[in-house]
Amino acid sequence: MRHIRWDDAYVIGVSMGGGIAAAFAVQFPHLVNGKVALVASAGIIEHYIHLLVNGSSTSELETIVPIQEIVRLQSAHLPHDNAAVASSLRDGPVRGLAHAFSAISDSSNEIFIIHSTADKTVQYKYASKIQALVPRAMLVTIIDGGHDITVTHAKDVNAALLHFLSGVFRLISHPDRRKRCFAWKL
């Protein structure tokens, strides 16, 4: 950020980047411009082995095929990529960051979570667990989206993020009042 002469920025993390965003906001609060968004965020996954054998739905796989090809090429041509992915799954930022989520709860940052109900990589239950660690966070639920919601539901995710970052967003209470989350209403 210093290299491009940014004093601060909004922080948005997707998947593993969600855990990284939380840890970044805690370690460098002076670099965060008051808003942190976590999209399909990892960071507190208890069992990570299912990430290696993701049982994605057929529609999710059809969408991911180009991404899977990139992963295949990286694995074949970047000798240290597999070790880096394995260490990320084993040591973090996929897991073990509950302390970071708890700490951002004490910050002055607004926290925004977007997660989908059909995510098989970082299951939807983790959105609720993150929200329990950050009770004042707002949760936008994308119904039936997979882990790749930034691709398959780009319009909804982008609209939610733009409204959050601009300070003008419309959220309605989840129909199931027992759940502490909000559903995006377009």
C-alpha atoms as a PDB file:
ATOM      1  CA  MET A   1       0.000   0.000   0.000  1.00  0.00           C
ATOM      2  CA  ARG A   2       2.853   2.333   0.773  1.00  0.00           C
ATOM      3  CA  HIS A   3       4.349   1.636  -2.650  1.00  0.00           C
ATOM      4  CA  ILE A   4       1.243   2.951  -4.379  1.00  0.00           C
ATOM      5  CA  ARG A   5       0.908   5.723  -1.796  1.00  0.00           C
ATOM      6  CA  TRP A   6      -2.339   4.585  -0.209  1.00  0.00           C
ATOM      7  CA  ASP A   7      -2.766   5.657   3.384  1.00  0.00           C
ATOM      8  CA  ASP A   8      -5.633   3.247   3.981  1.00  0.00           C
ATOM      9  CA  ALA A   9      -8.183   1.134   2.103  1.00  0.00           C
ATOM     10  CA  TYR A  10     -11.357  -0.842   2.475  1.00  0.00           C
ATOM     11  CA  VAL A  11     -10.405  -4.476   3.018  1.00  0.00           C
ATOM     12  CA  ILE A  12     -12.262  -7.247   1.212  1.00  0.00           C
ATOM     13  CA  GLY A  13     -11.279 -10.896   1.467  1.00  0.00           C
ATOM     14  CA  VAL A  14     -12.692 -13.861  -0.429  1.00  0.00           C
ATOM     15  CA  SER A  15     -12.359 -17.434   0.867  1.00  0.00           C
ATOM     16  CA  MET A  16      -8.863 -17.740   2.405  1.00  0.00           C
ATOM     17  CA  GLY A  17      -8.644 -14.001   1.860  1.00  0.00           C
ATOM     18  CA  GLY A  18     -11.436 -13.536   4.418  1.00  0.00           C
ATOM     19  CA  GLY A  19      -9.236 -14.885   7.181  1.00  0.00           C
ATOM     20  CA  ILE A  20      -6.346 -12.842   5.840  1.00  0.00           C
ATOM     21  CA  ALA A  21      -8.553  -9.705   5.765  1.00  0.00           C
ATOM     22  CA  ALA A  22      -9.565 -10.228   9.399  1.00  0.00           C
ATOM     23  CA  ALA A  23      -5.965 -10.764  10.504  1.00  0.00           C
ATOM     24  CA  PHE A  24      -4.805  -7.770   8.427  1.00  0.00           C
ATOM     25  CA  ALA A  25      -7.442  -5.511   9.996  1.00  0.00           C
ATOM     26  CA  VAL A  26      -6.265  -6.565  13.459  1.00  0.00           C
ATOM     27  CA  GLN A  27      -2.537  -6.277  12.770  1.00  0.00           C
ATOM     28  CA  PHE A  28      -2.713  -3.049  10.740  1.00  0.00           C
ATOM     29  CA  PRO A  29      -5.799  -1.136  11.920  1.00  0.00           C
ATOM     30  CA  HIS A  30      -4.324   2.174  10.742  1.00  0.00           C
ATOM     31  CA  LEU A  31      -4.381   0.853   7.157  1.00  0.00           C
ATOM     32  CA  VAL A  32      -8.099  -0.011   7.183  1.00  0.00           C
ATOM     33  CA  ASN A  33     -10.506   2.703   6.085  1.00  0.00           C
ATOM     34  CA  GLY A  34     -13.303   1.625   8.429  1.00  0.00           C
ATOM     35  CA  LYS A  35     -14.822  -1.260   6.465  1.00  0.00           C
ATOM     36  CA  VAL A  36     -13.994  -4.957   6.193  1.00  0.00           C
ATOM     37  CA  ALA A  37     -15.955  -7.311   3.940  1.00  0.00           C
ATOM     38  CA  LEU A  38     -15.650 -11.088   4.139  1.00  0.00           C
ATOM     39  CA  VAL A  39     -16.965 -13.102   1.185  1.00  0.00           C
ATOM     40  CA  ALA A  40     -17.322 -16.887   1.617  1.00  0.00           C
ATOM     41  CA  SER A  41     -14.733 -16.449   4.320  1.00  0.00           C
ATOM     42  CA  ALA A  42     -12.533 -19.192   5.653  1.00  0.00           C
ATOM     43  CA  GLY A  43     -10.509 -18.673   8.808  1.00  0.00           C
ATOM     44  CA  ILE A  44     -12.232 -20.879  11.350  1.00  0.00           C
ATOM     45  CA  ILE A  45     -12.732 -24.148   9.472  1.00  0.00           C
ATOM     46  CA  GLU A  46     -12.478 -27.060  11.876  1.00  0.00           C
ATOM     47  CA  HIS A  47     -11.835 -29.864   9.398  1.00  0.00           C
ATOM     48  CA  TYR A  48     -10.093 -28.862   6.227  1.00  0.00           C
ATOM     49  CA  ILE A  49      -9.729 -32.216   4.483  1.00  0.00           C
ATOM     50  CA  HIS A  50     -13.079 -31.740   2.687  1.00  0.00           C
ATOM     51  CA  LEU A  51     -11.543 -28.755   0.921  1.00  0.00           C
ATOM     52  CA  LEU A  52      -9.182 -31.116  -0.864  1.00  0.00           C
ATOM     53  CA  VAL A  53     -12.001 -33.326  -2.116  1.00  0.00           C
ATOM     54  CA  ASN A  54     -14.655 -30.668  -2.663  1.00  0.00           C
ATOM     55  CA  GLY A  55     -17.968 -32.267  -3.521  1.00  0.00           C
ATOM     56  CA  SER A  56     -19.237 -29.315  -5.523  1.00  0.00           C
ATOM     57  CA  SER A  57     -22.568 -29.460  -7.275  1.00  0.00           C
ATOM     58  CA  THR A  58     -22.672 -30.070 -11.016  1.00  0.00           C
ATOM     59  CA  SER A  59     -23.595 -26.445 -11.765  1.00  0.00           C
ATOM     60  CA  GLU A  60     -20.749 -25.205  -9.570  1.00  0.00           C
ATOM     61  CA  LEU A  61     -18.284 -27.484 -11.374  1.00  0.00           C
ATOM     62  CA  GLU A  62     -19.430 -26.276 -14.771  1.00  0.00           C
ATOM     63  CA  THR A  63     -18.695 -22.722 -13.704  1.00  0.00           C
ATOM     64  CA  ILE A  64     -15.357 -23.578 -12.092  1.00  0.00           C
ATOM     65  CA  VAL A  65     -13.843 -25.533 -14.986  1.00  0.00           C
ATOM     66  CA  PRO A  66     -11.598 -22.628 -16.144  1.00  0.00           C
ATOM     67  CA  ILE A  67     -10.472 -22.083 -12.549  1.00  0.00           C
ATOM     68  CA  GLN A  68      -9.772 -25.799 -12.166  1.00  0.00           C
ATOM     69  CA  GLU A  69      -7.639 -25.633 -15.309  1.00  0.00           C
ATOM     70  CA  ILE A  70      -5.606 -22.785 -13.795  1.00  0.00           C
ATOM     71  CA  VAL A  71      -5.136 -24.812 -10.612  1.00  0.00           C
ATOM     72  CA  ARG A  72      -4.044 -27.813 -12.687  1.00  0.00           C
ATOM     73  CA  LEU A  73      -1.534 -25.689 -14.609  1.00  0.00           C
ATOM     74  CA  GLN A  74      -0.210 -24.102 -11.418  1.00  0.00           C
ATOM     75  CA  SER A  75       0.211 -27.522  -9.872  1.00  0.00           C
ATOM     76  CA  ALA A  76       2.040 -28.841 -12.915  1.00  0.00           C
ATOM     77  CA  HIS A  77       4.305 -25.859 -13.564  1.00  0.00           C
ATOM     78  CA  LEU A  78       4.877 -24.135 -10.229  1.00  0.00           C
ATOM     79  CA  PRO A  79       6.911 -26.558  -8.132  1.00  0.00           C
ATOM     80  CA  HIS A  80       6.110 -25.022  -4.743  1.00  0.00           C
ATOM     81  CA  ASP A  81       2.417 -24.323  -5.315  1.00  0.00           C
ATOM     82  CA  ASN A  82       1.179 -27.632  -3.879  1.00  0.00           C
ATOM     83  CA  ALA A  83       3.231 -27.152  -0.697  1.00  0.00           C
ATOM     84  CA  ALA A  84       1.923 -23.589  -0.337  1.00  0.00           C
ATOM     85  CA  VAL A  85      -1.703 -24.701  -0.703  1.00  0.00           C
ATOM     86  CA  ALA A  86      -1.158 -27.611   1.702  1.00  0.00           C
ATOM     87  CA  SER A  87       0.404 -25.342   4.336  1.00  0.00           C
ATOM     88  CA  SER A  88      -2.461 -22.861   3.931  1.00  0.00           C
ATOM     89  CA  LEU A  89      -4.923 -25.646   4.609  1.00  0.00           C
ATOM     90  CA  ARG A  90      -2.889 -27.064   7.494  1.00  0.00           C
ATOM     91  CA  ASP A  91      -1.639 -23.915   9.238  1.00  0.00           C
ATOM     92  CA  GLY A  92      -3.907 -21.111   8.092  1.00  0.00           C
ATOM     93  CA  PRO A  93      -5.423 -18.778   6.960  1.00  0.00           C
ATOM     94  CA  VAL A  94      -8.146 -21.392   6.475  1.00  0.00           C
ATOM     95  CA  ARG A  95      -8.309 -22.212  10.161  1.00  0.00           C
ATOM     96  CA  GLY A  96      -7.187 -20.979  13.550  1.00  0.00           C
ATOM     97  CA  LEU A  97      -8.156 -17.328  13.139  1.00  0.00           C
ATOM     98  CA  ALA A  98     -11.013 -17.094  15.640  1.00  0.00           C
ATOM     99  CA  HIS A  99      -8.865 -14.652  17.623  1.00  0.00           C
ATOM    100  CA  ALA A 100      -8.677 -12.312  14.604  1.00  0.00           C
ATOM    101  CA  PHE A 101     -12.436 -12.342  14.095  1.00  0.00           C
ATOM    102  CA  SER A 102     -12.985 -11.687  17.808  1.00  0.00           C
ATOM    103  CA  ALA A 103     -10.477  -8.839  17.730  1.00  0.00           C
ATOM    104  CA  ILE A 104     -12.063  -7.066  14.755  1.00  0.00           C
ATOM    105  CA  SER A 105     -15.292  -7.158  16.712  1.00  0.00           C
ATOM    106  CA  ASP A 106     -13.638  -4.769  19.170  1.00  0.00           C
ATOM    107  CA  SER A 107     -12.448  -2.433  16.409  1.00  0.00           C
ATOM    108  CA  SER A 108     -14.298   0.553  15.032  1.00  0.00           C
ATOM    109  CA  ASN A 109     -14.527  -1.087  11.594  1.00  0.00           C
ATOM    110  CA  GLU A 110     -17.858  -1.990  10.062  1.00  0.00           C
ATOM    111  CA  ILE A 111     -17.871  -5.700   9.239  1.00  0.00           C
ATOM    112  CA  PHE A 112     -19.863  -7.188   6.364  1.00  0.00           C
ATOM    113  CA  ILE A 113     -20.193 -10.891   5.596  1.00  0.00           C
ATOM    114  CA  ILE A 114     -21.480 -12.384   2.347  1.00  0.00           C
ATOM    115  CA  HIS A 115     -21.925 -16.140   2.193  1.00  0.00           C
ATOM    116  CA  SER A 116     -23.998 -18.602   0.207  1.00  0.00           C
ATOM    117  CA  THR A 117     -26.183 -21.376   1.489  1.00  0.00           C
ATOM    118  CA  ALA A 118     -24.885 -24.045  -0.915  1.00  0.00           C
ATOM    119  CA  ASP A 119     -21.156 -23.437  -0.400  1.00  0.00           C
ATOM    120  CA  LYS A 120     -19.535 -26.851  -0.040  1.00  0.00           C
ATOM    121  CA  THR A 121     -15.987 -25.549   0.294  1.00  0.00           C
ATOM    122  CA  VAL A 122     -16.556 -23.194   3.232  1.00  0.00           C
ATOM    123  CA  GLN A 123     -19.931 -24.323   4.472  1.00  0.00           C
ATOM    124  CA  TYR A 124     -22.587 -21.768   5.359  1.00  0.00           C
ATOM    125  CA  LYS A 125     -22.382 -22.689   9.045  1.00  0.00           C
ATOM    126  CA  TYR A 126     -19.038 -20.843   9.192  1.00  0.00           C
ATOM    127  CA  ALA A 127     -20.733 -17.552   8.290  1.00  0.00           C
ATOM    128  CA  SER A 128     -22.848 -17.890  11.433  1.00  0.00           C
ATOM    129  CA  LYS A 129     -19.795 -18.872  13.476  1.00  0.00           C
ATOM    130  CA  ILE A 130     -17.911 -15.814  12.228  1.00  0.00           C
ATOM    131  CA  GLN A 131     -20.930 -13.650  12.995  1.00  0.00           C
ATOM    132  CA  ALA A 132     -21.025 -15.085  16.513  1.00  0.00           C
ATOM    133  CA  LEU A 133     -17.426 -13.902  16.920  1.00  0.00           C
ATOM    134  CA  VAL A 134     -18.325 -10.518  15.385  1.00  0.00           C
ATOM    135  CA  PRO A 135     -21.909  -9.982  16.622  1.00  0.00           C
ATOM    136  CA  ARG A 136     -22.334  -6.554  15.070  1.00  0.00           C
ATOM    137  CA  ALA A 137     -21.356  -7.815  11.606  1.00  0.00           C
ATOM    138  CA  MET A 138     -24.074  -7.816   8.983  1.00  0.00           C
ATOM    139  CA  LEU A 139     -24.570 -11.049   7.079  1.00  0.00           C
ATOM    140  CA  VAL A 140     -25.908 -11.134   3.554  1.00  0.00           C
ATOM    141  CA  THR A 141     -27.026 -14.597   2.513  1.00  0.00           C
ATOM    142  CA  ILE A 142     -26.955 -15.613  -1.139  1.00  0.00           C
ATOM    143  CA  ILE A 143     -29.458 -18.438  -1.537  1.00  0.00           C
ATOM    144  CA  ASP A 144     -28.183 -21.538  -3.367  1.00  0.00           C
ATOM    145  CA  GLY A 145     -24.855 -20.054  -4.403  1.00  0.00           C
ATOM    146  CA  GLY A 146     -21.713 -22.159  -4.227  1.00  0.00           C
ATOM    147  CA  HIS A 147     -18.260 -21.126  -3.058  1.00  0.00           C
ATOM    148  CA  ASP A 148     -17.667 -19.292  -6.317  1.00  0.00           C
ATOM    149  CA  ILE A 149     -20.406 -16.713  -5.667  1.00  0.00           C
ATOM    150  CA  THR A 150     -18.193 -13.901  -6.912  1.00  0.00           C
ATOM    151  CA  VAL A 151     -18.511 -15.566 -10.341  1.00  0.00           C
ATOM    152  CA  THR A 152     -21.923 -17.254 -10.313  1.00  0.00           C
ATOM    153  CA  HIS A 153     -23.708 -14.472  -8.407  1.00  0.00           C
ATOM    154  CA  ALA A 154     -21.439 -11.584  -9.349  1.00  0.00           C
ATOM    155  CA  LYS A 155     -24.300  -9.118  -9.765  1.00  0.00           C
ATOM    156  CA  ASP A 156     -25.657  -9.796  -6.266  1.00  0.00           C
ATOM    157  CA  VAL A 157     -22.240  -9.844  -4.592  1.00  0.00           C
ATOM    158  CA  ASN A 158     -21.104  -6.663  -6.355  1.00  0.00           C
ATOM    159  CA  ALA A 159     -24.359  -4.850  -5.530  1.00  0.00           C
ATOM    160  CA  ALA A 160     -24.089  -5.854  -1.869  1.00  0.00           C
ATOM    161  CA  LEU A 161     -20.437  -4.788  -1.663  1.00  0.00           C
ATOM    162  CA  LEU A 162     -21.044  -1.474  -3.441  1.00  0.00           C
ATOM    163  CA  HIS A 163     -23.959  -0.663  -1.156  1.00  0.00           C
ATOM    164  CA  PHE A 164     -21.924  -1.603   1.925  1.00  0.00           C
ATOM    165  CA  LEU A 165     -18.917   0.446   0.847  1.00  0.00           C
ATOM    166  CA  SER A 166     -21.055   3.457  -0.085  1.00  0.00           C
ATOM    167  CA  GLY A 167     -22.863   3.304   3.248  1.00  0.00           C
ATOM    168  CA  VAL A 168     -26.263   2.851   1.611  1.00  0.00           C
ATOM    169  CA  PHE A 169     -27.594  -0.672   1.657  1.00  0.00           C
ATOM    170  CA  ARG A 170     -30.979  -2.246   2.161  1.00  0.00           C
ATOM    171  CA  LEU A 171     -31.140  -5.339   4.247  1.00  0.00           C
ATOM    172  CA  ILE A 172     -34.238  -7.118   5.404  1.00  0.00           C
ATOM    173  CA  SER A 173     -34.509  -9.448   8.363  1.00  0.00           C
ATOM    174  CA  HIS A 174     -34.130 -13.111   7.589  1.00  0.00           C
ATOM    175  CA  PRO A 175     -37.580 -14.776   7.466  1.00  0.00           C
ATOM    176  CA  ASP A 176     -36.440 -17.189  10.167  1.00  0.00           C
ATOM    177  CA  ARG A 177     -36.174 -14.741  13.075  1.00  0.00           C
ATOM    178  CA  ARG A 178     -34.134 -17.280  15.061  1.00  0.00           C
ATOM    179  CA  LYS A 179     -31.233 -16.758  12.649  1.00  0.00           C
ATOM    180  CA  ARG A 180     -29.047 -13.732  13.231  1.00  0.00           C
ATOM    181  CA  CYS A 181     -28.577 -12.841   9.599  1.00  0.00           C
ATOM    182  CA  PHE A 182     -29.978 -10.707   6.869  1.00  0.00           C
ATOM    183  CA  ALA A 183     -31.015 -11.545   3.327  1.00  0.00           C
ATOM    184  CA  TRP A 184     -30.213  -9.246   0.431  1.00  0.00           C
ATOM    185  CA  LYS A 185     -33.285  -7.829  -1.241  1.00  0.00           C
ATOM    186  CA  LEU A 186     -32.683  -6.576  -4.772  1.00  0.00           C
END
